PDB file of N, CA and C in Angstrom:
ATOM      1  N   MET A   1      -6.221   3.196  -7.525  1.00  0.00           N
ATOM      2  CA  MET A   1      -5.982   1.666  -7.496  1.00  0.00           C
ATOM      3  C   MET A   1      -6.262   0.900  -8.919  1.00  0.00           C
ATOM      4  N   GLN A   2      -5.645  -0.011  -9.250  1.00  0.00           N
ATOM      5  CA  GLN A   2      -5.791  -0.760 -10.377  1.00  0.00           C
ATOM      6  C   GLN A   2      -5.764  -2.312 -10.179  1.00  0.00           C
ATOM      7  N   ASN A   3      -6.365  -2.987 -11.121  1.00  0.00           N
ATOM      8  CA  ASN A   3      -6.260  -4.541 -10.981  1.00  0.00           C
ATOM      9  C   ASN A   3      -4.768  -4.856 -11.265  1.00  0.00           C
ATOM     10  N   GLY A   4      -4.288  -5.950 -10.583  1.00  0.00           N
ATOM     11  CA  GLY A   4      -2.866  -6.335 -10.760  1.00  0.00           C
ATOM     12  C   GLY A   4      -2.214  -6.879  -9.703  1.00  0.00           C
ATOM     13  N   ALA A   5      -0.829  -6.939  -9.690  1.00  0.00           N
ATOM     14  CA  ALA A   5       0.064  -7.374  -8.652  1.00  0.00           C
ATOM     15  C   ALA A   5       1.168  -6.356  -8.392  1.00  0.00           C
ATOM     16  N   CYS A   6       1.758  -6.302  -7.260  1.00  0.00           N
ATOM     17  CA  CYS A   6       2.844  -5.559  -6.860  1.00  0.00           C
ATOM     18  C   CYS A   6       3.826  -6.190  -5.943  1.00  0.00           C
ATOM     19  N   THR A   7       5.045  -6.025  -6.221  1.00  0.00           N
ATOM     20  CA  THR A   7       6.097  -6.540  -5.254  1.00  0.00           C
ATOM     21  C   THR A   7       6.888  -5.536  -4.747  1.00  0.00           C
ATOM     22  N   ALA A   8       6.674  -4.226  -5.091  1.00  0.00           N
ATOM     23  CA  ALA A   8       7.571  -3.031  -4.564  1.00  0.00           C
ATOM     24  C   ALA A   8       7.538  -3.005  -3.116  1.00  0.00           C
ATOM     25  N   CYS A   9       8.523  -2.575  -2.543  1.00  0.00           N
ATOM     26  CA  CYS A   9       8.494  -2.306  -1.037  1.00  0.00           C
ATOM     27  C   CYS A   9       7.804  -1.142  -0.681  1.00  0.00           C
ATOM     28  N   ASP A  10       7.908   0.047  -1.195  1.00  0.00           N
ATOM     29  CA  ASP A  10       7.385   1.266  -1.012  1.00  0.00           C
ATOM     30  C   ASP A  10       6.477   1.753  -2.119  1.00  0.00           C
ATOM     31  N   PHE A  11       5.202   2.095  -1.895  1.00  0.00           N
ATOM     32  CA  PHE A  11       4.380   2.753  -2.862  1.00  0.00           C
ATOM     33  C   PHE A  11       3.236   3.370  -2.230  1.00  0.00           C
ATOM     34  N   ILE A  12       2.654   4.311  -3.128  1.00  0.00           N
ATOM     35  CA  ILE A  12       1.385   4.866  -2.538  1.00  0.00           C
ATOM     36  C   ILE A  12       0.143   4.309  -3.337  1.00  0.00           C
ATOM     37  N   LEU A  13      -0.944   3.892  -2.548  1.00  0.00           N
ATOM     38  CA  LEU A  13      -2.008   3.361  -3.174  1.00  0.00           C
ATOM     39  C   LEU A  13      -3.076   4.267  -3.081  1.00  0.00           C
ATOM     40  N   THR A  14      -3.542   4.677  -4.395  1.00  0.00           N
ATOM     41  CA  THR A  14      -4.495   5.763  -4.398  1.00  0.00           C
ATOM     42  C   THR A  14      -5.788   5.311  -5.121  1.00  0.00           C
ATOM     43  N   VAL A  15      -6.854   6.145  -5.066  1.00  0.00           N
ATOM     44  CA  VAL A  15      -8.039   5.644  -5.806  1.00  0.00           C
ATOM     45  C   VAL A  15      -7.900   5.832  -7.322  1.00  0.00           C
ATOM     46  N   THR A  16      -8.007   4.863  -7.968  1.00  0.00           N
ATOM     47  CA  THR A  16      -7.904   4.663  -9.442  1.00  0.00           C
ATOM     48  C   THR A  16      -6.725   5.576 -10.028  1.00  0.00           C
ATOM     49  N   GLY A  17      -5.456   5.524  -9.191  1.00  0.00           N
ATOM     50  CA  GLY A  17      -4.401   6.238  -9.657  1.00  0.00           C
ATOM     51  C   GLY A  17      -4.258   7.625  -9.499  1.00  0.00           C
ATOM     52  N   VAL A  18      -5.340   8.367  -8.945  1.00  0.00           N
ATOM     53  CA  VAL A  18      -5.247   9.815  -8.686  1.00  0.00           C
ATOM     54  C   VAL A  18      -5.111  10.181  -7.283  1.00  0.00           C
ATOM     55  N   VAL A  19      -4.172  10.923  -6.818  1.00  0.00           N
ATOM     56  CA  VAL A  19      -4.015  11.265  -5.486  1.00  0.00           C
ATOM     57  C   VAL A  19      -5.034  12.249  -4.803  1.00  0.00           C
ATOM     58  N   THR A  20      -5.640  13.053  -5.719  1.00  0.00           N
ATOM     59  CA  THR A  20      -6.490  14.242  -5.134  1.00  0.00           C
ATOM     60  C   THR A  20      -7.911  14.111  -5.502  1.00  0.00           C
ATOM     61  N   SER A  21      -8.455  12.881  -5.939  1.00  0.00           N
ATOM     62  CA  SER A  21      -9.855  12.742  -6.206  1.00  0.00           C
ATOM     63  C   SER A  21     -10.522  11.559  -5.566  1.00  0.00           C
ATOM     64  N   ASN A  22     -11.755  11.563  -5.616  1.00  0.00           N
ATOM     65  CA  ASN A  22     -12.596  10.295  -4.962  1.00  0.00           C
ATOM     66  C   ASN A  22     -12.573   9.254  -5.913  1.00  0.00           C
ATOM     67  N   TYR A  23     -12.823   7.975  -5.370  1.00  0.00           N
ATOM     68  CA  TYR A  23     -12.927   6.899  -6.362  1.00  0.00           C
ATOM     69  C   TYR A  23     -14.269   6.918  -7.086  1.00  0.00           C
ATOM     70  N   GLY A  24     -14.255   6.228  -8.270  1.00  0.00           N
ATOM     71  CA  GLY A  24     -15.389   6.316  -9.106  1.00  0.00           C
ATOM     72  C   GLY A  24     -16.514   5.363  -8.708  1.00  0.00           C
ATOM     73  N   ASN A  25     -17.738   5.461  -9.378  1.00  0.00           N
ATOM     74  CA  ASN A  25     -18.750   4.566  -9.074  1.00  0.00           C
ATOM     75  C   ASN A  25     -18.540   3.145  -9.584  1.00  0.00           C
ATOM     76  N   ASN A  26     -19.131   2.188  -9.071  1.00  0.00           N
ATOM     77  CA  ASN A  26     -19.100   0.842  -9.501  1.00  0.00           C
ATOM     78  C   ASN A  26     -17.683   0.291  -9.691  1.00  0.00           C
ATOM     79  N   GLU A  27     -16.655   0.734  -8.921  1.00  0.00           N
ATOM     80  CA  GLU A  27     -15.334   0.189  -9.101  1.00  0.00           C
ATOM     81  C   GLU A  27     -15.255  -1.132  -8.364  1.00  0.00           C
ATOM     82  N   ASN A  28     -14.628  -2.152  -8.932  1.00  0.00           N
ATOM     83  CA  ASN A  28     -14.478  -3.458  -8.258  1.00  0.00           C
ATOM     84  C   ASN A  28     -13.118  -3.922  -8.710  1.00  0.00           C
ATOM     85  N   LEU A  29     -12.105  -3.677  -7.863  1.00  0.00           N
ATOM     86  CA  LEU A  29     -10.821  -3.931  -8.294  1.00  0.00           C
ATOM     87  C   LEU A  29     -10.099  -4.858  -7.344  1.00  0.00           C
ATOM     88  N   THR A  30      -9.117  -5.543  -7.854  1.00  0.00           N
ATOM     89  CA  THR A  30      -8.322  -6.494  -6.915  1.00  0.00           C
ATOM     90  C   THR A  30      -6.750  -6.203  -7.233  1.00  0.00           C
ATOM     91  N   LEU A  31      -6.121  -6.008  -6.129  1.00  0.00           N
ATOM     92  CA  LEU A  31      -4.673  -5.693  -6.182  1.00  0.00           C
ATOM     93  C   LEU A  31      -4.027  -6.672  -5.218  1.00  0.00           C
ATOM     94  N   THR A  32      -3.167  -7.526  -5.932  1.00  0.00           N
ATOM     95  CA  THR A  32      -2.493  -8.525  -4.949  1.00  0.00           C
ATOM     96  C   THR A  32      -1.120  -7.991  -4.625  1.00  0.00           C
ATOM     97  N   LEU A  33      -0.855  -7.909  -3.337  1.00  0.00           N
ATOM     98  CA  LEU A  33       0.570  -7.500  -2.829  1.00  0.00           C
ATOM     99  C   LEU A  33       1.329  -8.592  -2.372  1.00  0.00           C
ATOM    100  N   CYS A  34       2.496  -8.836  -2.895  1.00  0.00           N
ATOM    101  CA  CYS A  34       3.324  -9.938  -2.668  1.00  0.00           C
ATOM    102  C   CYS A  34       4.693  -9.477  -2.144  1.00  0.00           C
ATOM    103  N   SER A  35       5.137 -10.225  -1.158  1.00  0.00           N
ATOM    104  CA  SER A  35       6.399  -9.845  -0.596  1.00  0.00           C
ATOM    105  C   SER A  35       7.502 -10.287  -1.597  1.00  0.00           C
ATOM    106  N   GLN A  36       8.708  -9.658  -1.486  1.00  0.00           N
ATOM    107  CA  GLN A  36       9.808  -9.789  -2.425  1.00  0.00           C
ATOM    108  C   GLN A  36      10.320 -11.242  -2.345  1.00  0.00           C
ATOM    109  N   ASN A  37      10.186 -11.779  -1.193  1.00  0.00           N
ATOM    110  CA  ASN A  37      10.761 -13.114  -0.947  1.00  0.00           C
ATOM    111  C   ASN A  37       9.603 -14.045  -0.507  1.00  0.00           C
ATOM    112  N   ASP A  38       9.394 -15.092  -1.012  1.00  0.00           N
ATOM    113  CA  ASP A  38       8.278 -16.053  -0.626  1.00  0.00           C
ATOM    114  C   ASP A  38       8.301 -16.405   0.880  1.00  0.00           C
ATOM    115  N   GLY A  39       7.175 -16.342   1.575  1.00  0.00           N
ATOM    116  CA  GLY A  39       7.143 -16.593   2.885  1.00  0.00           C
ATOM    117  C   GLY A  39       7.313 -15.421   3.931  1.00  0.00           C
ATOM    118  N   ASP A  40       7.860 -14.351   3.410  1.00  0.00           N
ATOM    119  CA  ASP A  40       8.238 -13.093   4.233  1.00  0.00           C
ATOM    120  C   ASP A  40       6.805 -12.475   4.563  1.00  0.00           C
ATOM    121  N   ALA A  41       6.856 -12.034   5.837  1.00  0.00           N
ATOM    122  CA  ALA A  41       5.658 -11.213   6.205  1.00  0.00           C
ATOM    123  C   ALA A  41       5.686  -9.812   5.614  1.00  0.00           C
ATOM    124  N   MET A  42       4.476  -9.272   5.495  1.00  0.00           N
ATOM    125  CA  MET A  42       4.241  -7.871   5.034  1.00  0.00           C
ATOM    126  C   MET A  42       3.524  -7.033   6.005  1.00  0.00           C
ATOM    127  N   THR A  43       3.804  -5.678   6.006  1.00  0.00           N
ATOM    128  CA  THR A  43       3.174  -4.787   6.643  1.00  0.00           C
ATOM    129  C   THR A  43       2.553  -3.675   5.567  1.00  0.00           C
ATOM    130  N   ILE A  44       1.276  -3.417   6.006  1.00  0.00           N
ATOM    131  CA  ILE A  44       0.578  -2.221   5.220  1.00  0.00           C
ATOM    132  C   ILE A  44       0.246  -1.147   6.153  1.00  0.00           C
ATOM    133  N   ASN A  45       0.746   0.071   5.912  1.00  0.00           N
ATOM    134  CA  ASN A  45       0.461   1.188   6.754  1.00  0.00           C
ATOM    135  C   ASN A  45      -0.520   2.152   5.950  1.00  0.00           C
ATOM    136  N   PHE A  46      -1.569   2.522   6.552  1.00  0.00           N
ATOM    137  CA  PHE A  46      -2.520   3.353   6.016  1.00  0.00           C
ATOM    138  C   PHE A  46      -2.374   4.744   6.601  1.00  0.00           C
ATOM    139  N   SER A  47      -2.170   5.732   5.825  1.00  0.00           N
ATOM    140  CA  SER A  47      -2.027   7.056   6.469  1.00  0.00           C
ATOM    141  C   SER A  47      -3.387   7.853   6.357  1.00  0.00           C
ATOM    142  N   GLU A  48      -4.189   7.558   5.402  1.00  0.00           N
ATOM    143  CA  GLU A  48      -5.531   7.966   5.138  1.00  0.00           C
ATOM    144  C   GLU A  48      -6.444   7.032   4.762  1.00  0.00           C
ATOM    145  N   PHE A  49      -7.635   6.952   5.139  1.00  0.00           N
ATOM    146  CA  PHE A  49      -8.796   5.875   4.623  1.00  0.00           C
ATOM    147  C   PHE A  49     -10.039   6.489   4.707  1.00  0.00           C
ATOM    148  N   SER A  50     -10.837   6.527   3.598  1.00  0.00           N
ATOM    149  CA  SER A  50     -12.178   6.982   3.647  1.00  0.00           C
ATOM    150  C   SER A  50     -13.032   6.313   2.604  1.00  0.00           C
ATOM    151  N   MET A  51     -14.057   5.579   2.937  1.00  0.00           N
ATOM    152  CA  MET A  51     -15.020   4.823   2.080  1.00  0.00           C
ATOM    153  C   MET A  51     -16.419   5.149   2.488  1.00  0.00           C
ATOM    154  N   LEU A  52     -17.265   4.943   1.641  1.00  0.00           N
ATOM    155  CA  LEU A  52     -18.781   5.073   2.085  1.00  0.00           C
ATOM    156  C   LEU A  52     -19.053   3.875   2.977  1.00  0.00           C
ATOM    157  N   PHE A  53     -19.518   4.256   4.165  1.00  0.00           N
ATOM    158  CA  PHE A  53     -19.763   3.379   5.151  1.00  0.00           C
ATOM    159  C   PHE A  53     -20.786   2.213   4.783  1.00  0.00           C
ATOM    160  N   GLU A  54     -20.517   1.003   4.890  1.00  0.00           N
ATOM    161  CA  GLU A  54     -21.396  -0.100   4.656  1.00  0.00           C
ATOM    162  C   GLU A  54     -21.979  -0.168   3.300  1.00  0.00           C
ATOM    163  N   ALA A  55     -21.275   0.559   2.430  1.00  0.00           N
ATOM    164  CA  ALA A  55     -21.517   0.388   0.904  1.00  0.00           C
ATOM    165  C   ALA A  55     -20.261   0.043   0.175  1.00  0.00           C
ATOM    166  N   ASP A  56     -19.141   0.527   0.649  1.00  0.00           N
ATOM    167  CA  ASP A  56     -17.825   0.343  -0.166  1.00  0.00           C
ATOM    168  C   ASP A  56     -17.014  -0.412   1.030  1.00  0.00           C
ATOM    169  N   PHE A  57     -16.125  -1.418   0.578  1.00  0.00           N
ATOM    170  CA  PHE A  57     -15.321  -2.178   1.366  1.00  0.00           C
ATOM    171  C   PHE A  57     -13.869  -2.355   0.839  1.00  0.00           C
ATOM    172  N   LEU A  58     -13.031  -2.568   1.859  1.00  0.00           N
ATOM    173  CA  LEU A  58     -11.506  -2.930   1.493  1.00  0.00           C
ATOM    174  C   LEU A  58     -11.412  -4.239   2.286  1.00  0.00           C
ATOM    175  N   SER A  59     -11.181  -5.468   1.590  1.00  0.00           N
ATOM    176  CA  SER A  59     -11.075  -6.737   2.153  1.00  0.00           C
ATOM    177  C   SER A  59      -9.582  -7.045   2.156  1.00  0.00           C
ATOM    178  N   ILE A  60      -9.006  -7.764   3.106  1.00  0.00           N
ATOM    179  CA  ILE A  60      -7.633  -8.041   3.137  1.00  0.00           C
ATOM    180  C   ILE A  60      -7.628  -9.605   3.410  1.00  0.00           C
ATOM    181  N   TYR A  61      -6.902 -10.280   2.528  1.00  0.00           N
ATOM    182  CA  TYR A  61      -6.748 -11.730   2.763  1.00  0.00           C
ATOM    183  C   TYR A  61      -5.342 -12.136   2.997  1.00  0.00           C
ATOM    184  N   ASP A  62      -5.150 -13.146   3.694  1.00  0.00           N
ATOM    185  CA  ASP A  62      -3.899 -13.691   4.188  1.00  0.00           C
ATOM    186  C   ASP A  62      -3.372 -14.792   3.004  1.00  0.00           C
ATOM    187  N   GLY A  63      -3.168 -14.239   1.902  1.00  0.00           N
ATOM    188  CA  GLY A  63      -2.750 -15.101   0.706  1.00  0.00           C
ATOM    189  C   GLY A  63      -3.046 -14.466  -0.694  1.00  0.00           C
ATOM    190  N   ALA A  64      -2.831 -15.087  -1.702  1.00  0.00           N
ATOM    191  CA  ALA A  64      -2.917 -14.506  -3.110  1.00  0.00           C
ATOM    192  C   ALA A  64      -4.277 -14.731  -3.791  1.00  0.00           C
ATOM    193  N   SER A  65      -5.254 -15.016  -2.915  1.00  0.00           N
ATOM    194  CA  SER A  65      -6.562 -15.331  -3.517  1.00  0.00           C
ATOM    195  C   SER A  65      -7.667 -14.987  -2.520  1.00  0.00           C
ATOM    196  N   ALA A  66      -8.814 -14.714  -3.014  1.00  0.00           N
ATOM    197  CA  ALA A  66      -9.987 -14.435  -2.035  1.00  0.00           C
ATOM    198  C   ALA A  66     -10.455 -15.669  -1.437  1.00  0.00           C
ATOM    199  N   LEU A  67      -9.925 -16.888  -1.968  1.00  0.00           N
ATOM    200  CA  LEU A  67     -10.363 -18.198  -1.462  1.00  0.00           C
ATOM    201  C   LEU A  67      -9.621 -18.426  -0.127  1.00  0.00           C
ATOM    202  N   ILE A  68      -8.524 -17.702   0.093  1.00  0.00           N
ATOM    203  CA  ILE A  68      -7.748 -17.681   1.310  1.00  0.00           C
ATOM    204  C   ILE A  68      -8.388 -17.087   2.426  1.00  0.00           C
ATOM    205  N   PRO A  69      -8.277 -17.434   3.687  1.00  0.00           N
ATOM    206  CA  PRO A  69      -8.887 -16.719   4.769  1.00  0.00           C
ATOM    207  C   PRO A  69      -8.774 -15.226   4.834  1.00  0.00           C
ATOM    208  N   GLN A  70      -9.933 -14.626   5.098  1.00  0.00           N
ATOM    209  CA  GLN A  70     -10.009 -13.042   5.123  1.00  0.00           C
ATOM    210  C   GLN A  70      -9.511 -12.577   6.575  1.00  0.00           C
ATOM    211  N   ILE A  71      -8.524 -11.712   6.472  1.00  0.00           N
ATOM    212  CA  ILE A  71      -7.985 -11.135   7.749  1.00  0.00           C
ATOM    213  C   ILE A  71      -8.865 -10.148   8.338  1.00  0.00           C
ATOM    214  N   SER A  72      -9.350  -9.236   7.459  1.00  0.00           N
ATOM    215  CA  SER A  72     -10.223  -8.105   7.902  1.00  0.00           C
ATOM    216  C   SER A  72     -10.913  -7.439   6.689  1.00  0.00           C
ATOM    217  N   LYS A  73     -12.007  -6.719   7.021  1.00  0.00           N
ATOM    218  CA  LYS A  73     -12.747  -5.966   6.095  1.00  0.00           C
ATOM    219  C   LYS A  73     -13.061  -4.643   6.744  1.00  0.00           C
ATOM    220  N   TYR A  74     -12.867  -3.555   5.908  1.00  0.00           N
ATOM    221  CA  TYR A  74     -13.011  -2.185   6.328  1.00  0.00           C
ATOM    222  C   TYR A  74     -13.993  -1.463   5.562  1.00  0.00           C
ATOM    223  N   SER A  75     -14.732  -0.580   6.163  1.00  0.00           N
ATOM    224  CA  SER A  75     -15.564   0.388   5.535  1.00  0.00           C
ATOM    225  C   SER A  75     -15.681   1.720   6.384  1.00  0.00           C
ATOM    226  N   GLY A  76     -16.126   2.819   5.715  1.00  0.00           N
ATOM    227  CA  GLY A  76     -16.287   4.045   6.331  1.00  0.00           C
ATOM    228  C   GLY A  76     -14.936   4.735   6.603  1.00  0.00           C
ATOM    229  N   THR A  77     -14.686   5.539   7.641  1.00  0.00           N
ATOM    230  CA  THR A  77     -13.574   6.208   7.871  1.00  0.00           C
ATOM    231  C   THR A  77     -12.689   5.709   9.008  1.00  0.00           C
ATOM    232  N   GLY A  78     -12.999   4.479   9.593  1.00  0.00           N
ATOM    233  CA  GLY A  78     -12.198   3.742  10.497  1.00  0.00           C
ATOM    234  C   GLY A  78     -10.973   3.153   9.886  1.00  0.00           C
ATOM    235  N   SER A  79      -9.885   3.873   9.820  1.00  0.00           N
ATOM    236  CA  SER A  79      -8.696   3.472   9.232  1.00  0.00           C
ATOM    237  C   SER A  79      -8.097   2.189   9.726  1.00  0.00           C
ATOM    238  N   PRO A  80      -7.705   1.315   8.876  1.00  0.00           N
ATOM    239  CA  PRO A  80      -7.113   0.108   9.369  1.00  0.00           C
ATOM    240  C   PRO A  80      -5.682   0.400  10.023  1.00  0.00           C
ATOM    241  N   ARG A  81      -5.112   1.467   9.879  1.00  0.00           N
ATOM    242  CA  ARG A  81      -3.877   2.040  10.241  1.00  0.00           C
ATOM    243  C   ARG A  81      -2.576   1.099   9.992  1.00  0.00           C
ATOM    244  N   TYR A  82      -2.590  -0.075  10.545  1.00  0.00           N
ATOM    245  CA  TYR A  82      -1.376  -1.048  10.326  1.00  0.00           C
ATOM    246  C   TYR A  82      -1.918  -2.286  10.262  1.00  0.00           C
ATOM    247  N   VAL A  83      -1.519  -3.095   9.167  1.00  0.00           N
ATOM    248  CA  VAL A  83      -2.058  -4.478   9.004  1.00  0.00           C
ATOM    249  C   VAL A  83      -0.707  -5.343   8.752  1.00  0.00           C
ATOM    250  N   LEU A  84      -0.614  -6.473   9.496  1.00  0.00           N
ATOM    251  CA  LEU A  84       0.379  -7.307   9.413  1.00  0.00           C
ATOM    252  C   LEU A  84      -0.109  -8.617   8.652  1.00  0.00           C
ATOM    253  N   VAL A  85       0.481  -8.983   7.488  1.00  0.00           N
ATOM    254  CA  VAL A  85       0.186 -10.226   6.900  1.00  0.00           C
ATOM    255  C   VAL A  85       1.284 -11.233   6.925  1.00  0.00           C
ATOM    256  N   ASP A  86       1.057 -12.368   7.384  1.00  0.00           N
ATOM    257  CA  ASP A  86       2.194 -13.321   7.498  1.00  0.00           C
ATOM    258  C   ASP A  86       1.821 -14.591   6.855  1.00  0.00           C
ATOM    259  N   TYR A  87       1.830 -14.541   5.599  1.00  0.00           N
ATOM    260  CA  TYR A  87       1.321 -15.709   4.678  1.00  0.00           C
ATOM    261  C   TYR A  87       2.221 -16.886   4.659  1.00  0.00           C
ATOM    262  N   ILE A  88       1.847 -18.021   5.039  1.00  0.00           N
ATOM    263  CA  ILE A  88       2.768 -19.252   4.896  1.00  0.00           C
ATOM    264  C   ILE A  88       2.032 -20.234   4.051  1.00  0.00           C
ATOM    265  N   GLN A  89       2.618 -20.609   2.942  1.00  0.00           N
ATOM    266  CA  GLN A  89       1.914 -21.449   2.047  1.00  0.00           C
ATOM    267  C   GLN A  89       1.979 -22.901   2.695  1.00  0.00           C
TER     268      GLN A  89
END
């Protein structure tokens, strides 16, 4: 993963851009995913998910900022599987 923003419809999100390795120590990254059309809902499907339980987290917010309400927070190997974000400004 990397800091930044993305509006692509289909992509693979990997740890620090590498498909076959673990994420590095002390990574603190923010990736903002935006629908191609303002106001459109987005879905995120996770095929794999593994983080150090209660030490590393993935937080998902319903908007373009961490100041927006948090939808969910994940840690460990409990995959989020499918997340629907329906942000309305």
